[in-house]
C-alpha atoms as a PDB file:
ATOM      1  CA  MET A   1     108.663  96.372 175.586  1.00  0.00           C
ATOM      2  CA  MET A   2     108.907  92.958 173.944  1.00  0.00           C
ATOM      3  CA  GLN A   3     107.183  91.319 176.943  1.00  0.00           C
ATOM      4  CA  ILE A   4     104.226  93.693 176.686  1.00  0.00           C
ATOM      5  CA  THR A   5     103.665  92.997 172.999  1.00  0.00           C
ATOM      6  CA  THR A   6     103.704  89.240 173.527  1.00  0.00           C
ATOM      7  CA  LEU A   7     101.015  89.548 176.214  1.00  0.00           C
ATOM      8  CA  ILE A   8      98.584  91.820 174.348  1.00  0.00           C
ATOM      9  CA  ILE A   9      96.743  89.044 172.462  1.00  0.00           C
ATOM     10  CA  PRO A  10      96.306  86.731 175.484  1.00  0.00           C
ATOM     11  CA  PHE A  11      95.094  89.659 177.616  1.00  0.00           C
ATOM     12  CA  LEU A  12      92.700  90.753 174.863  1.00  0.00           C
ATOM     13  CA  MET A  13      91.270  87.239 174.605  1.00  0.00           C
ATOM     14  CA  LEU A  14      90.936  87.022 178.389  1.00  0.00           C
ATOM     15  CA  PHE A  15      89.237  90.431 178.484  1.00  0.00           C
ATOM     16  CA  ILE A  16      86.703  89.384 175.827  1.00  0.00           C
ATOM     17  CA  ILE A  17      85.870  86.168 177.693  1.00  0.00           C
ATOM     18  CA  VAL A  18      85.549  87.904 181.074  1.00  0.00           C
ATOM     19  CA  HIS A  19      83.513  90.745 179.591  1.00  0.00           C
ATOM     20  CA  GLY A  20      81.173  88.276 177.882  1.00  0.00           C
ATOM     21  CA  LEU A  21      80.714  86.209 181.027  1.00  0.00           C
ATOM     22  CA  ARG A  22      80.107  89.357 183.068  1.00  0.00           C
ATOM     23  CA  HIS A  23      77.296  90.307 180.689  1.00  0.00           C
ATOM     24  CA  LYS A  24      75.894  86.764 180.832  1.00  0.00           C
ATOM     25  CA  VAL A  25      76.789  85.881 177.236  1.00  0.00           C
ATOM     26  CA  ALA A  26      77.315  82.237 176.312  1.00  0.00           C
ATOM     27  CA  VAL A  27      80.820  82.988 175.052  1.00  0.00           C
ATOM     28  CA  TYR A  28      81.659  79.583 173.585  1.00  0.00           C
ATOM     29  CA  GLU A  29      78.313  79.189 171.825  1.00  0.00           C
ATOM     30  CA  VAL A  30      78.524  82.697 170.348  1.00  0.00           C
ATOM     31  CA  PHE A  31      82.087  81.990 169.221  1.00  0.00           C
ATOM     32  CA  VAL A  32      81.050  78.746 167.504  1.00  0.00           C
ATOM     33  CA  GLU A  33      78.089  80.495 165.848  1.00  0.00           C
ATOM     34  CA  GLY A  34      80.404  83.227 164.509  1.00  0.00           C
ATOM     35  CA  ALA A  35      82.863  80.628 163.241  1.00  0.00           C
ATOM     36  CA  GLN A  36      80.025  78.824 161.465  1.00  0.00           C
ATOM     37  CA  GLN A  37      78.894  82.061 159.804  1.00  0.00           C
ATOM     38  CA  GLY A  38      82.485  82.735 158.755  1.00  0.00           C
ATOM     39  CA  PHE A  39      82.705  79.290 157.207  1.00  0.00           C
ATOM     40  CA  HIS A  40      79.498  79.851 155.213  1.00  0.00           C
ATOM     41  CA  ILE A  41      80.796  83.214 153.981  1.00  0.00           C
ATOM     42  CA  ALA A  42      84.059  81.564 152.916  1.00  0.00           C
ATOM     43  CA  ILE A  43      82.085  78.972 150.939  1.00  0.00           C
ATOM     44  CA  LYS A  44      80.038  81.742 149.261  1.00  0.00           C
ATOM     45  CA  ILE A  45      83.081  83.710 148.097  1.00  0.00           C
ATOM     46  CA  ILE A  46      85.053  80.773 146.671  1.00  0.00           C
ATOM     47  CA  PRO A  47      83.632  81.181 143.120  1.00  0.00           C
ATOM     48  CA  TYR A  48      84.589  84.881 143.116  1.00  0.00           C
ATOM     49  CA  LEU A  49      88.108  84.094 144.318  1.00  0.00           C
ATOM     50  CA  VAL A  50      88.566  81.315 141.774  1.00  0.00           C
ATOM     51  CA  ALA A  51      87.408  83.601 138.957  1.00  0.00           C
ATOM     52  CA  MET A  52      89.757  86.374 140.084  1.00  0.00           C
ATOM     53  CA  LEU A  53      92.758  84.059 140.477  1.00  0.00           C
ATOM     54  CA  PHE A  54      92.050  82.526 137.061  1.00  0.00           C
ATOM     55  CA  ALA A  55      91.897  85.976 135.448  1.00  0.00           C
ATOM     56  CA  ILE A  56      95.197  86.989 137.078  1.00  0.00           C
ATOM     57  CA  ALA A  57      96.891  83.789 135.954  1.00  0.00           C
ATOM     58  CA  MET A  58      95.632  84.287 132.390  1.00  0.00           C
ATOM     59  CA  PHE A  59      96.789  87.931 132.412  1.00  0.00           C
ATOM     60  CA  ARG A  60     100.316  86.959 133.446  1.00  0.00           C
ATOM     61  CA  ALA A  61     100.599  83.775 131.346  1.00  0.00           C
ATOM     62  CA  SER A  62      99.335  85.425 128.172  1.00  0.00           C
ATOM     63  CA  GLY A  63     102.155  87.956 128.153  1.00  0.00           C
ATOM     64  CA  ALA A  64      99.733  90.842 128.565  1.00  0.00           C
ATOM     65  CA  LEU A  65     101.630  92.043 131.637  1.00  0.00           C
ATOM     66  CA  GLU A  66     104.859  92.370 129.653  1.00  0.00           C
ATOM     67  CA  ILE A  67     103.066  94.134 126.792  1.00  0.00           C
ATOM     68  CA  LEU A  68     101.459  96.584 129.215  1.00  0.00           C
ATOM     69  CA  LEU A  69     104.826  97.227 130.843  1.00  0.00           C
ATOM     70  CA  GLY A  70     106.321  97.923 127.420  1.00  0.00           C
ATOM     71  CA  TRP A  71     103.617 100.486 126.664  1.00  0.00           C
ATOM     72  CA  LEU A  72     103.810 102.214 130.041  1.00  0.00           C
ATOM     73  CA  SER A  73     107.600 102.423 130.411  1.00  0.00           C
ATOM     74  CA  PRO A  74     108.085 105.424 128.070  1.00  0.00           C
ATOM     75  CA  VAL A  75     105.160 107.293 129.611  1.00  0.00           C
ATOM     76  CA  PHE A  76     106.464 106.861 133.155  1.00  0.00           C
ATOM     77  CA  GLY A  77     109.966 107.746 131.980  1.00  0.00           C
ATOM     78  CA  TRP A  78     108.704 111.274 131.292  1.00  0.00           C
ATOM     79  CA  PHE A  79     107.741 111.586 134.968  1.00  0.00           C
ATOM     80  CA  ASN A  80     111.102 110.230 136.181  1.00  0.00           C
ATOM     81  CA  ILE A  81     109.447 107.108 137.566  1.00  0.00           C
ATOM     82  CA  PRO A  82     111.852 104.155 137.570  1.00  0.00           C
ATOM     83  CA  PRO A  83     110.583 101.496 135.133  1.00  0.00           C
ATOM     84  CA  GLU A  84     111.540  98.809 137.655  1.00  0.00           C
ATOM     85  CA  VAL A  85     108.574  99.767 139.864  1.00  0.00           C
ATOM     86  CA  LEU A  86     106.018  99.377 137.073  1.00  0.00           C
ATOM     87  CA  PRO A  87     105.408  95.669 137.777  1.00  0.00           C
ATOM     88  CA  MET A  88     104.469  96.657 141.333  1.00  0.00           C
ATOM     89  CA  ALA A  89     102.046  99.293 140.052  1.00  0.00           C
ATOM     90  CA  ILE A  90     100.368  96.764 137.776  1.00  0.00           C
ATOM     91  CA  VAL A  91     100.420  93.665 139.993  1.00  0.00           C
ATOM     92  CA  ARG A  92      99.482  95.334 143.307  1.00  0.00           C
ATOM     93  CA  PRO A  93      95.780  95.920 142.444  1.00  0.00           C
ATOM     94  CA  LEU A  94      95.529  92.283 141.405  1.00  0.00           C
ATOM     95  CA  THR A  95      97.238  90.269 144.107  1.00  0.00           C
ATOM     96  CA  GLY A  96      98.926  90.831 147.439  1.00  0.00           C
ATOM     97  CA  SER A  97     101.193  87.796 147.286  1.00  0.00           C
ATOM     98  CA  GLY A  98     102.206  88.590 143.703  1.00  0.00           C
ATOM     99  CA  SER A  99     103.099  92.159 144.633  1.00  0.00           C
ATOM    100  CA  LEU A 100     105.040  90.916 147.655  1.00  0.00           C
ATOM    101  CA  ALA A 101     106.998  88.648 145.310  1.00  0.00           C
ATOM    102  CA  VAL A 102     107.699  91.645 143.043  1.00  0.00           C
ATOM    103  CA  LEU A 103     108.912  93.616 146.068  1.00  0.00           C
ATOM    104  CA  ALA A 104     111.116  90.752 147.262  1.00  0.00           C
ATOM    105  CA  ASN A 105     112.613  90.464 143.778  1.00  0.00           C
ATOM    106  CA  LEU A 106     113.350  94.204 143.718  1.00  0.00           C
ATOM    107  CA  VAL A 107     115.028  94.004 147.138  1.00  0.00           C
ATOM    108  CA  GLN A 108     117.151  91.093 145.967  1.00  0.00           C
ATOM    109  CA  THR A 109     118.062  92.811 142.697  1.00  0.00           C
ATOM    110  CA  HIS A 110     118.609  96.417 143.815  1.00  0.00           C
ATOM    111  CA  GLY A 111     119.251  96.207 147.574  1.00  0.00           C
ATOM    112  CA  GLU A 112     117.027  97.418 150.364  1.00  0.00           C
ATOM    113  CA  ASP A 113     118.396 100.982 150.376  1.00  0.00           C
ATOM    114  CA  SER A 114     117.806 101.782 146.711  1.00  0.00           C
ATOM    115  CA  ILE A 115     115.238 104.387 145.699  1.00  0.00           C
ATOM    116  CA  ILE A 116     113.544 101.747 143.539  1.00  0.00           C
ATOM    117  CA  VAL A 117     112.881  99.503 146.531  1.00  0.00           C
ATOM    118  CA  LYS A 118     111.816 102.421 148.700  1.00  0.00           C
ATOM    119  CA  ILE A 119     109.274 103.499 146.083  1.00  0.00           C
ATOM    120  CA  ALA A 120     108.013  99.932 145.606  1.00  0.00           C
ATOM    121  CA  ALA A 121     107.736  99.336 149.368  1.00  0.00           C
ATOM    122  CA  THR A 122     105.871 102.615 149.818  1.00  0.00           C
ATOM    123  CA  MET A 123     103.546 101.629 146.970  1.00  0.00           C
ATOM    124  CA  TYR A 124     102.992  98.256 148.623  1.00  0.00           C
ATOM    125  CA  GLY A 125     101.933  99.957 151.839  1.00  0.00           C
ATOM    126  CA  SER A 126      99.892 102.766 150.325  1.00  0.00           C
ATOM    127  CA  THR A 127      97.851 100.894 147.727  1.00  0.00           C
ATOM    128  CA  GLU A 128      95.318  98.092 147.909  1.00  0.00           C
ATOM    129  CA  THR A 129      94.680  94.765 146.230  1.00  0.00           C
ATOM    130  CA  THR A 130      91.593  96.264 144.648  1.00  0.00           C
ATOM    131  CA  PHE A 131      90.348  93.296 142.641  1.00  0.00           C
ATOM    132  CA  TYR A 132      90.916  90.855 145.503  1.00  0.00           C
ATOM    133  CA  VAL A 133      89.055  93.115 147.946  1.00  0.00           C
ATOM    134  CA  LEU A 134      86.176  93.526 145.522  1.00  0.00           C
ATOM    135  CA  ALA A 135      85.982  89.791 144.920  1.00  0.00           C
ATOM    136  CA  VAL A 136      85.949  89.000 148.630  1.00  0.00           C
ATOM    137  CA  TYR A 137      83.710  91.791 149.929  1.00  0.00           C
ATOM    138  CA  PHE A 138      81.251  91.960 147.082  1.00  0.00           C
ATOM    139  CA  GLY A 139      81.204  88.179 146.844  1.00  0.00           C
ATOM    140  CA  ALA A 140      80.510  87.844 150.571  1.00  0.00           C
ATOM    141  CA  VAL A 141      77.292  89.810 150.223  1.00  0.00           C
ATOM    142  CA  ASN A 142      76.368  88.516 146.743  1.00  0.00           C
ATOM    143  CA  ILE A 143      76.774  91.810 144.894  1.00  0.00           C
ATOM    144  CA  GLY A 144      77.362  91.154 141.199  1.00  0.00           C
ATOM    145  CA  LYS A 145      77.367  94.724 139.913  1.00  0.00           C
ATOM    146  CA  THR A 146      80.266  96.686 141.358  1.00  0.00           C
ATOM    147  CA  ARG A 147      79.106  99.979 139.835  1.00  0.00           C
ATOM    148  CA  TYR A 148      81.893 102.521 140.446  1.00  0.00           C
ATOM    149  CA  ALA A 149      83.871 100.487 142.969  1.00  0.00           C
ATOM    150  CA  VAL A 150      86.443  99.250 140.434  1.00  0.00           C
ATOM    151  CA  GLN A 151      87.099 102.694 139.000  1.00  0.00           C
ATOM    152  CA  THR A 152      87.278 104.284 142.435  1.00  0.00           C
ATOM    153  CA  GLY A 153      89.654 101.608 143.716  1.00  0.00           C
ATOM    154  CA  LEU A 154      91.931 101.934 140.699  1.00  0.00           C
ATOM    155  CA  ILE A 155      91.971 105.742 140.986  1.00  0.00           C
ATOM    156  CA  ALA A 156      92.924 105.384 144.651  1.00  0.00           C
ATOM    157  CA  ASP A 157      95.665 102.910 143.663  1.00  0.00           C
ATOM    158  CA  ALA A 158      96.995 105.349 141.047  1.00  0.00           C
ATOM    159  CA  ALA A 159      96.977 108.150 143.621  1.00  0.00           C
ATOM    160  CA  GLY A 160      98.888 105.918 146.041  1.00  0.00           C
ATOM    161  CA  PHE A 161     101.341 104.987 143.313  1.00  0.00           C
ATOM    162  CA  PHE A 162     102.118 108.569 142.320  1.00  0.00           C
ATOM    163  CA  ALA A 163     102.171 109.734 145.946  1.00  0.00           C
ATOM    164  CA  ALA A 164     104.698 106.990 146.744  1.00  0.00           C
ATOM    165  CA  VAL A 165     106.961 108.235 143.959  1.00  0.00           C
ATOM    166  CA  VAL A 166     106.686 111.888 144.993  1.00  0.00           C
ATOM    167  CA  VAL A 167     107.143 111.210 148.713  1.00  0.00           C
ATOM    168  CA  CYS A 168     110.109 108.896 148.197  1.00  0.00           C
ATOM    169  CA  TYR A 169     111.912 111.372 145.951  1.00  0.00           C
ATOM    170  CA  TRP A 170     111.110 114.123 148.439  1.00  0.00           C
ATOM    171  CA  LEU A 171     112.329 112.182 151.506  1.00  0.00           C
ATOM    172  CA  PHE A 172     115.187 110.210 149.979  1.00  0.00           C
END
């Protein structure tokens, strides 16, 4: 099985090249053109990414994250949600690498078989980095007004968060 998985990418690349040549497509030129477009899109979204990363850094450095955790801990205690997973619930919509660091810290602190880590890992897999996605996708197409995208993304994140808690308690 391991040999098959290591060959999938090379075979896929070979298939794309052969398929393009068979249909008389200038494969290399089209590839370079796509790479150039990707580079221009990356340049266009840099201001959005910088603004988002700055806002996240300010949120964490100002102590607002700790204050928010202090406010939410009693509320989530009523629903039997471990307070240790609250940083994941708050950081996950903001940043993928930050939420991965939270998850790694929980694994190191509580062990990989604890219910806390199982809930946090399920949250990591069932929620999205909403603000990052909005910054990248909306920034790539120069959309400044997100309309209901932020609210919808955060509602979906909350649903993923609560579903992770329910499913983990149900299964474990």
